[in-house]
Amino acid sequence: MKAKVWQLTSRPSGVPKVSDFTIVEEDLKECGDGDIIVAAEYFTVDPYMRVMMDQLPLNATMIGEQVAKVVESKNDKYPVGTYMLCKCGWRSHSHYSASQLVSCDFWTSVKPIGDLGSLPKSLSLGVLGMPGNTAYFGFLEICKPVEGDTVVVNCAAGAVGSAVIQIAKIKGCKVIGFAGTPEKVAWIKELGADYAFNYKTDNVSESIKASAPKGVNCYFDNVGSQFTAQVLPHMADFSRVAICGCIATYNEDAKVMNSPYSESLILWKQMKIEGLIVSRWFSRWEEGLVQMQRWVEEGKIKYKETVVQGFENMPQALIGLFSGENIGKAIVAV
């Protein structure tokens, strides 16, 4: 059996280009005792992939997660037809040996998808997967919201930001969300944000000043750079900042970045600022997924997916993230 594989073949300068990637064919190993072969049905594209493109060896398979279906099996635990969540990258088909199927490493694990009922399997790459747990653990464990807190979220119409908005509302917070188009602003209002602004047309600092006169208690940051520089002066005493991403800097050629964080401001407001990589909570992974699925089934958390059709369009789907083409989770369907 052959697999189609997207490889990183050129180190990007600025925003990635389709020409930075090459698609090749690869022969898969035969399915031996205890092994399985899977065929991808859905892929995720995420902003962190741009950061990894500066570290991934050239001619290596692009990294990423996929929902795949077992199409050949010599393993009783995973018969043909089983749906798996695989961190095997941009590959149409993958071979897993018996030993790989028992991996406990966050970045290489493969496991069957849980019972999602009538919900789409693609949600395992979004609100019921890594982005959902990023919002769940990142917001609750780092921001530690208290009922009545004021919360600011940027990239609020994205996969993580939209989930943070809704978790904050579940916890009784006032939420201020920022997005980049009128359509996205309307979406975050629908999600329950008390205030929703277009950061391209509304002044960020003035918007926060008007909607949070007593200051911001929790800031969930997906953007960094000048956006964050405008938020920080409005933080309240003893406020908490969760740094989830800094997409504003991912395509900068200069890797020496000017920090928006003022030491004196942090000191006098006694702020807590903490970065998060969701793998930290791998030992509690199912806890987050179970709670997020419960909230989705109860109608307390809504979701959207922006679906690009065709494995051949993987690079275009990733590039689209940096021009804001997606609302909710960006997915590629085979």
Protein backbone atom coordinates (compact mmCIF):
# COMPACT_ATOMS: atom_id res chain seq x y z
CA MET A 1 0.00 0.00 0.00
CA LYS A 2 1.21 3.51 -0.81
CA ALA A 3 0.80 6.69 1.23
CA LYS A 4 0.77 10.26 0.01
CA VAL A 5 2.90 12.42 2.29
CA TRP A 6 3.41 16.18 2.54
CA GLN A 7 7.00 17.08 3.37
CA LEU A 8 8.55 20.37 4.42
CA THR A 9 11.13 20.98 1.69
CA SER A 10 11.92 24.68 2.10
CA ARG A 11 12.38 26.78 5.22
CA PRO A 12 9.68 29.49 5.09
CA SER A 13 10.46 33.18 5.20
CA GLY A 14 7.50 35.07 6.65
CA VAL A 15 4.12 33.56 5.84
CA PRO A 16 4.53 30.01 4.49
CA LYS A 17 4.06 29.39 0.76
CA VAL A 18 2.67 26.35 -1.01
CA SER A 19 6.11 25.97 -2.60
CA ASP A 20 7.60 25.31 0.85
CA PHE A 21 5.93 21.88 0.74
CA THR A 22 6.22 18.88 -1.55
CA ILE A 23 3.92 15.89 -1.80
CA VAL A 24 5.56 12.48 -2.28
CA GLU A 25 4.53 8.84 -2.32
CA GLU A 26 5.79 6.33 0.21
CA ASP A 27 5.49 2.54 0.39
CA LEU A 28 4.05 1.32 3.68
CA LYS A 29 5.31 -1.71 5.57
CA GLU A 30 3.15 -4.79 5.44
CA CYS A 31 0.73 -5.25 8.29
CA GLY A 32 2.34 -7.73 10.69
CA ASP A 33 1.06 -9.36 13.84
CA GLY A 34 -0.36 -6.72 16.20
CA ASP A 35 -0.09 -3.98 13.55
CA ILE A 36 -2.68 -1.76 11.91
CA ILE A 37 -2.86 0.47 8.84
CA VAL A 38 -5.03 3.57 8.95
CA ALA A 39 -6.41 5.93 6.30
CA ALA A 40 -6.84 9.59 7.21
CA GLU A 41 -10.28 11.20 7.01
CA TYR A 42 -9.76 14.55 8.77
CA PHE A 43 -6.67 16.65 9.46
CA THR A 44 -6.10 19.61 11.75
CA VAL A 45 -4.09 22.69 10.85
CA ASP A 46 -2.98 24.89 13.75
CA PRO A 47 -0.89 28.06 14.16
CA TYR A 48 1.81 26.26 16.18
CA MET A 49 2.76 24.40 13.00
CA ARG A 50 4.36 27.60 11.68
CA VAL A 51 6.70 27.66 14.69
CA MET A 52 7.59 24.01 14.16
CA MET A 53 8.46 24.72 10.51
CA ASP A 54 11.54 26.56 11.79
CA GLN A 55 12.61 23.45 13.73
CA LEU A 56 11.45 20.50 11.64
CA PRO A 57 14.22 18.93 9.52
CA LEU A 58 13.83 19.61 5.82
CA ASN A 59 12.30 16.72 3.84
CA ALA A 60 10.54 15.49 6.97
CA THR A 61 6.82 14.81 7.12
CA MET A 62 4.84 17.87 8.24
CA ILE A 63 3.65 17.35 11.77
CA GLY A 64 0.03 17.28 12.86
CA GLU A 65 -2.86 15.25 14.11
CA GLN A 66 -5.53 13.39 12.17
CA VAL A 67 -8.67 11.33 12.57
CA ALA A 68 -8.08 8.09 10.70
CA LYS A 69 -9.95 4.84 10.07
CA VAL A 70 -8.37 1.40 10.43
CA VAL A 71 -8.39 -0.17 6.95
CA GLU A 72 -6.18 -3.20 7.68
CA SER A 73 -5.66 -4.87 11.04
CA LYS A 74 -3.88 -7.77 12.67
CA ASN A 75 -4.67 -6.44 16.13
CA ASP A 76 -7.82 -7.61 17.92
CA LYS A 77 -8.06 -4.38 19.92
CA TYR A 78 -8.37 -2.28 16.77
CA PRO A 79 -10.44 -4.08 14.12
CA VAL A 80 -11.06 -2.68 10.66
CA GLY A 81 -13.44 0.27 10.90
CA THR A 82 -12.09 1.58 14.22
CA TYR A 83 -11.53 5.33 14.26
CA MET A 84 -8.22 6.48 15.70
CA LEU A 85 -6.69 9.81 16.71
CA CYS A 86 -3.15 9.80 15.33
CA LYS A 87 -0.27 12.26 15.64
CA CYS A 88 1.42 11.01 12.47
CA GLY A 89 1.47 14.22 10.44
CA TRP A 90 0.30 15.06 6.95
CA ARG A 91 -0.03 11.50 5.64
CA SER A 92 -2.90 9.86 3.76
CA HIS A 93 -2.10 6.40 5.20
CA SER A 94 0.03 5.24 8.11
CA HIS A 95 1.37 1.95 9.45
CA TYR A 96 1.48 1.42 13.21
CA SER A 97 3.37 -1.45 14.77
CA ALA A 98 2.16 -3.21 17.92
CA SER A 99 4.77 -1.35 19.98
CA GLN A 100 3.74 2.05 18.61
CA LEU A 101 0.14 1.39 19.61
CA VAL A 102 1.09 1.35 23.29
CA SER A 103 3.05 4.62 23.18
CA CYS A 104 2.33 6.93 26.12
CA ASP A 105 4.14 9.95 24.68
CA PHE A 106 1.92 13.01 24.12
CA TRP A 107 3.46 13.92 20.77
CA THR A 108 3.38 10.47 19.17
CA SER A 109 0.39 8.76 20.82
CA VAL A 110 -2.28 6.98 18.82
CA LYS A 111 -5.57 6.00 20.42
CA PRO A 112 -9.15 5.15 19.52
CA ILE A 113 -11.66 7.98 19.52
CA GLY A 114 -14.13 7.88 22.38
CA ASP A 115 -17.89 7.57 21.97
CA LEU A 116 -19.04 10.89 20.51
CA GLY A 117 -22.61 9.79 19.97
CA SER A 118 -24.07 11.78 17.08
CA LEU A 119 -21.32 14.43 17.18
CA PRO A 120 -18.91 14.68 14.21
CA LYS A 121 -15.68 12.73 14.55
CA SER A 122 -13.77 15.80 13.40
CA LEU A 123 -14.50 17.39 16.78
CA SER A 124 -11.73 15.17 18.16
CA LEU A 125 -9.39 17.64 16.45
CA GLY A 126 -11.20 20.67 17.83
CA VAL A 127 -13.46 21.39 20.76
CA LEU A 128 -13.27 17.74 21.88
CA GLY A 129 -9.54 17.47 21.32
CA MET A 130 -6.34 19.40 21.85
CA PRO A 131 -7.84 22.89 21.27
CA GLY A 132 -10.71 22.15 23.64
CA ASN A 133 -8.36 20.95 26.36
CA THR A 134 -6.10 23.94 25.76
CA ALA A 135 -9.05 26.20 26.55
CA TYR A 136 -10.25 24.04 29.45
CA PHE A 137 -6.97 23.59 31.31
CA GLY A 138 -5.29 26.78 30.17
CA PHE A 139 -8.11 29.04 31.29
CA LEU A 140 -9.22 27.22 34.42
CA GLU A 141 -5.79 26.22 35.74
CA ILE A 142 -3.83 29.38 34.92
CA CYS A 143 -6.41 32.17 34.95
CA LYS A 144 -8.32 30.55 37.85
CA PRO A 145 -11.48 32.56 37.15
CA VAL A 146 -13.80 33.64 39.95
CA GLU A 147 -17.45 34.49 39.40
CA GLY A 148 -17.68 38.16 38.50
CA ASP A 149 -14.19 38.37 37.00
CA THR A 150 -13.68 40.33 33.79
CA VAL A 151 -11.96 38.28 31.08
CA VAL A 152 -10.34 39.43 27.83
CA VAL A 153 -9.86 36.92 25.00
CA ASN A 154 -8.26 37.59 21.62
CA CYS A 155 -8.52 35.37 18.54
CA ALA A 156 -11.91 34.90 20.12
CA ALA A 157 -13.53 33.34 17.06
CA GLY A 158 -10.84 30.68 16.74
CA ALA A 159 -10.87 27.11 18.00
CA VAL A 160 -9.36 27.89 21.41
CA GLY A 161 -10.61 31.44 21.93
CA SER A 162 -14.25 30.59 21.21
CA ALA A 163 -14.11 27.79 23.78
CA VAL A 164 -12.51 30.09 26.38
CA ILE A 165 -15.33 32.62 25.95
CA GLN A 166 -17.94 29.99 26.69
CA ILE A 167 -16.10 28.42 29.62
CA ALA A 168 -15.73 31.89 31.11
CA LYS A 169 -19.47 32.47 30.80
CA ILE A 170 -20.17 29.08 32.40
CA LYS A 171 -18.01 30.25 35.33
CA GLY A 172 -19.98 33.49 35.69
CA CYS A 173 -17.45 35.92 34.21
CA LYS A 174 -17.89 39.07 32.13
CA VAL A 175 -16.18 38.48 28.79
CA ILE A 176 -14.62 40.90 26.31
CA GLY A 177 -13.74 39.27 23.01
CA PHE A 178 -11.74 40.50 20.03
CA ALA A 179 -11.83 39.16 16.47
CA GLY A 180 -10.92 40.44 13.01
CA THR A 181 -14.09 40.55 10.86
CA PRO A 182 -17.73 41.62 11.38
CA GLU A 183 -18.79 38.00 10.84
CA LYS A 184 -16.44 36.82 13.59
CA VAL A 185 -17.55 39.58 15.95
CA ALA A 186 -21.17 38.51 15.42
CA TRP A 187 -20.18 34.91 16.18
CA ILE A 188 -18.51 35.73 19.49
CA LYS A 189 -21.55 37.77 20.50
CA GLU A 190 -23.63 34.66 19.78
CA LEU A 191 -21.30 32.69 22.03
CA GLY A 192 -22.19 34.97 24.93
CA ALA A 193 -19.43 37.57 24.99
CA ASP A 194 -20.66 40.64 26.87
CA TYR A 195 -18.58 42.88 24.62
CA ALA A 196 -17.24 42.02 21.17
CA PHE A 197 -14.86 44.18 19.16
CA ASN A 198 -13.13 44.14 15.78
CA TYR A 199 -9.50 44.78 16.60
CA LYS A 200 -8.91 46.02 13.03
CA THR A 201 -11.44 48.84 13.31
CA ASP A 202 -11.86 49.38 17.07
CA ASN A 203 -9.11 50.78 19.26
CA VAL A 204 -8.16 47.91 21.58
CA SER A 205 -7.12 50.06 24.53
CA GLU A 206 -10.14 52.37 24.36
CA SER A 207 -12.52 49.42 23.94
CA ILE A 208 -11.20 47.75 27.09
CA LYS A 209 -11.20 51.02 29.03
CA ALA A 210 -14.88 51.57 28.23
CA SER A 211 -16.04 48.00 28.87
CA ALA A 212 -13.83 47.18 31.89
CA PRO A 213 -13.63 50.39 33.98
CA LYS A 214 -12.51 48.43 37.06
CA GLY A 215 -9.83 46.55 35.17
CA VAL A 216 -9.32 43.10 33.66
CA ASN A 217 -8.88 40.13 35.98
CA CYS A 218 -8.02 37.45 33.41
CA TYR A 219 -6.38 37.80 30.00
CA PHE A 220 -6.21 34.76 27.71
CA ASP A 221 -3.65 35.72 25.10
CA ASN A 222 -3.38 34.04 21.69
CA VAL A 223 -1.80 36.99 19.87
CA GLY A 224 0.98 38.74 21.83
CA SER A 225 2.93 41.70 20.45
CA GLN A 226 1.23 45.10 20.19
CA PHE A 227 -2.19 43.70 21.01
CA THR A 228 -0.94 42.58 24.41
CA ALA A 229 0.85 45.89 24.93
CA GLN A 230 -2.54 47.60 24.67
CA VAL A 231 -4.24 45.21 27.09
CA LEU A 232 -1.74 45.14 29.96
CA PRO A 233 -2.26 48.71 31.26
CA HIS A 234 -5.89 47.79 31.89
CA MET A 235 -5.14 44.74 34.03
CA ALA A 236 -6.41 44.85 37.61
CA ASP A 237 -4.31 44.23 40.69
CA PHE A 238 -3.54 40.52 41.19
CA SER A 239 -4.73 39.74 37.64
CA ARG A 240 -3.75 36.59 35.75
CA VAL A 241 -2.47 36.23 32.18
CA ALA A 242 -2.40 32.91 30.30
CA ILE A 243 -0.06 33.06 27.30
CA CYS A 244 -1.45 30.45 24.92
CA GLY A 245 0.04 31.77 21.69
CA CYS A 246 1.65 34.73 19.96
CA ILE A 247 0.43 34.39 16.39
CA ALA A 248 1.33 38.02 15.66
CA THR A 249 5.00 37.03 15.76
CA TYR A 250 5.04 33.59 14.14
CA ASN A 251 5.90 34.83 10.66
CA GLU A 252 8.48 37.41 11.69
CA ASP A 253 11.86 36.84 10.09
CA ALA A 254 13.69 38.39 13.04
CA LYS A 255 13.61 35.91 15.89
CA VAL A 256 14.64 38.52 18.46
CA MET A 257 11.24 39.81 19.52
CA ASN A 258 10.42 42.89 21.54
CA SER A 259 8.35 41.85 24.54
CA PRO A 260 5.13 43.77 25.26
CA TYR A 261 5.56 43.06 28.97
CA SER A 262 6.58 45.93 31.25
CA GLU A 263 8.36 44.77 34.40
CA SER A 264 7.24 47.78 36.41
CA LEU A 265 3.61 47.27 35.37
CA ILE A 266 3.75 43.60 36.33
CA LEU A 267 5.38 44.48 39.63
CA TRP A 268 3.00 47.20 40.76
CA LYS A 269 -0.13 45.33 39.69
CA GLN A 270 1.30 42.10 41.15
CA MET A 271 0.25 40.21 38.06
CA LYS A 272 0.68 36.49 37.46
CA ILE A 273 1.79 35.69 33.89
CA GLU A 274 2.25 32.11 32.77
CA GLY A 275 2.79 30.36 29.47
CA LEU A 276 1.00 27.13 28.68
CA ILE A 277 1.69 24.06 26.57
CA VAL A 278 -1.30 21.77 26.86
CA SER A 279 0.83 18.60 27.06
CA ARG A 280 1.38 19.59 30.70
CA TRP A 281 -2.07 18.13 31.47
CA PHE A 282 -1.67 14.90 29.50
CA SER A 283 -2.21 12.86 32.67
CA ARG A 284 -5.65 14.53 33.05
CA TRP A 285 -6.54 14.47 29.35
CA GLU A 286 -9.77 12.50 29.63
CA GLU A 287 -11.03 14.77 32.41
CA GLY A 288 -11.03 17.72 30.04
CA LEU A 289 -12.53 15.81 27.12
CA VAL A 290 -15.36 14.39 29.22
CA GLN A 291 -16.30 17.79 30.62
CA MET A 292 -16.08 19.54 27.25
CA GLN A 293 -18.26 16.87 25.61
CA ARG A 294 -20.80 17.19 28.40
CA TRP A 295 -20.98 20.96 27.90
CA VAL A 296 -21.35 20.51 24.12
CA GLU A 297 -24.16 17.98 24.57
CA GLU A 298 -25.88 20.28 27.05
CA GLY A 299 -25.73 23.16 24.59
CA LYS A 300 -23.46 25.21 26.84
CA ILE A 301 -20.61 25.18 24.34
CA LYS A 302 -21.14 25.82 20.64
CA TYR A 303 -18.59 25.21 17.91
CA LYS A 304 -17.90 25.95 14.27
CA GLU A 305 -15.61 24.29 11.78
CA THR A 306 -14.09 25.77 8.65
CA VAL A 307 -13.57 22.75 6.41
CA VAL A 308 -11.19 22.69 3.44
CA GLN A 309 -11.79 19.77 1.10
CA GLY A 310 -8.93 17.65 -0.19
CA PHE A 311 -5.62 16.34 1.13
CA GLU A 312 -3.93 18.16 -1.74
CA ASN A 313 -4.97 21.46 -0.13
CA MET A 314 -3.20 20.97 3.21
CA PRO A 315 -0.69 23.81 2.66
CA GLN A 316 -3.40 26.27 1.58
CA ALA A 317 -5.44 25.43 4.70
CA LEU A 318 -2.47 26.14 6.98
CA ILE A 319 -1.59 29.37 5.17
CA GLY A 320 -5.18 30.53 5.50
CA LEU A 321 -4.87 30.64 9.28
CA PHE A 322 -2.55 33.65 9.01
CA SER A 323 -5.04 35.70 7.02
CA GLY A 324 -7.93 34.81 9.32
CA GLU A 325 -9.83 32.63 6.84
CA ASN A 326 -11.21 30.29 9.52
CA ILE A 327 -14.01 30.68 12.02
CA GLY A 328 -13.74 28.11 14.77
CA LYS A 329 -11.58 25.08 14.03
CA ALA A 330 -9.79 24.77 10.69
CA ILE A 331 -10.14 21.21 9.35
CA VAL A 332 -9.08 19.47 6.16
CA ALA A 333 -11.38 16.67 5.02
CA VAL A 334 -10.01 14.00 2.68
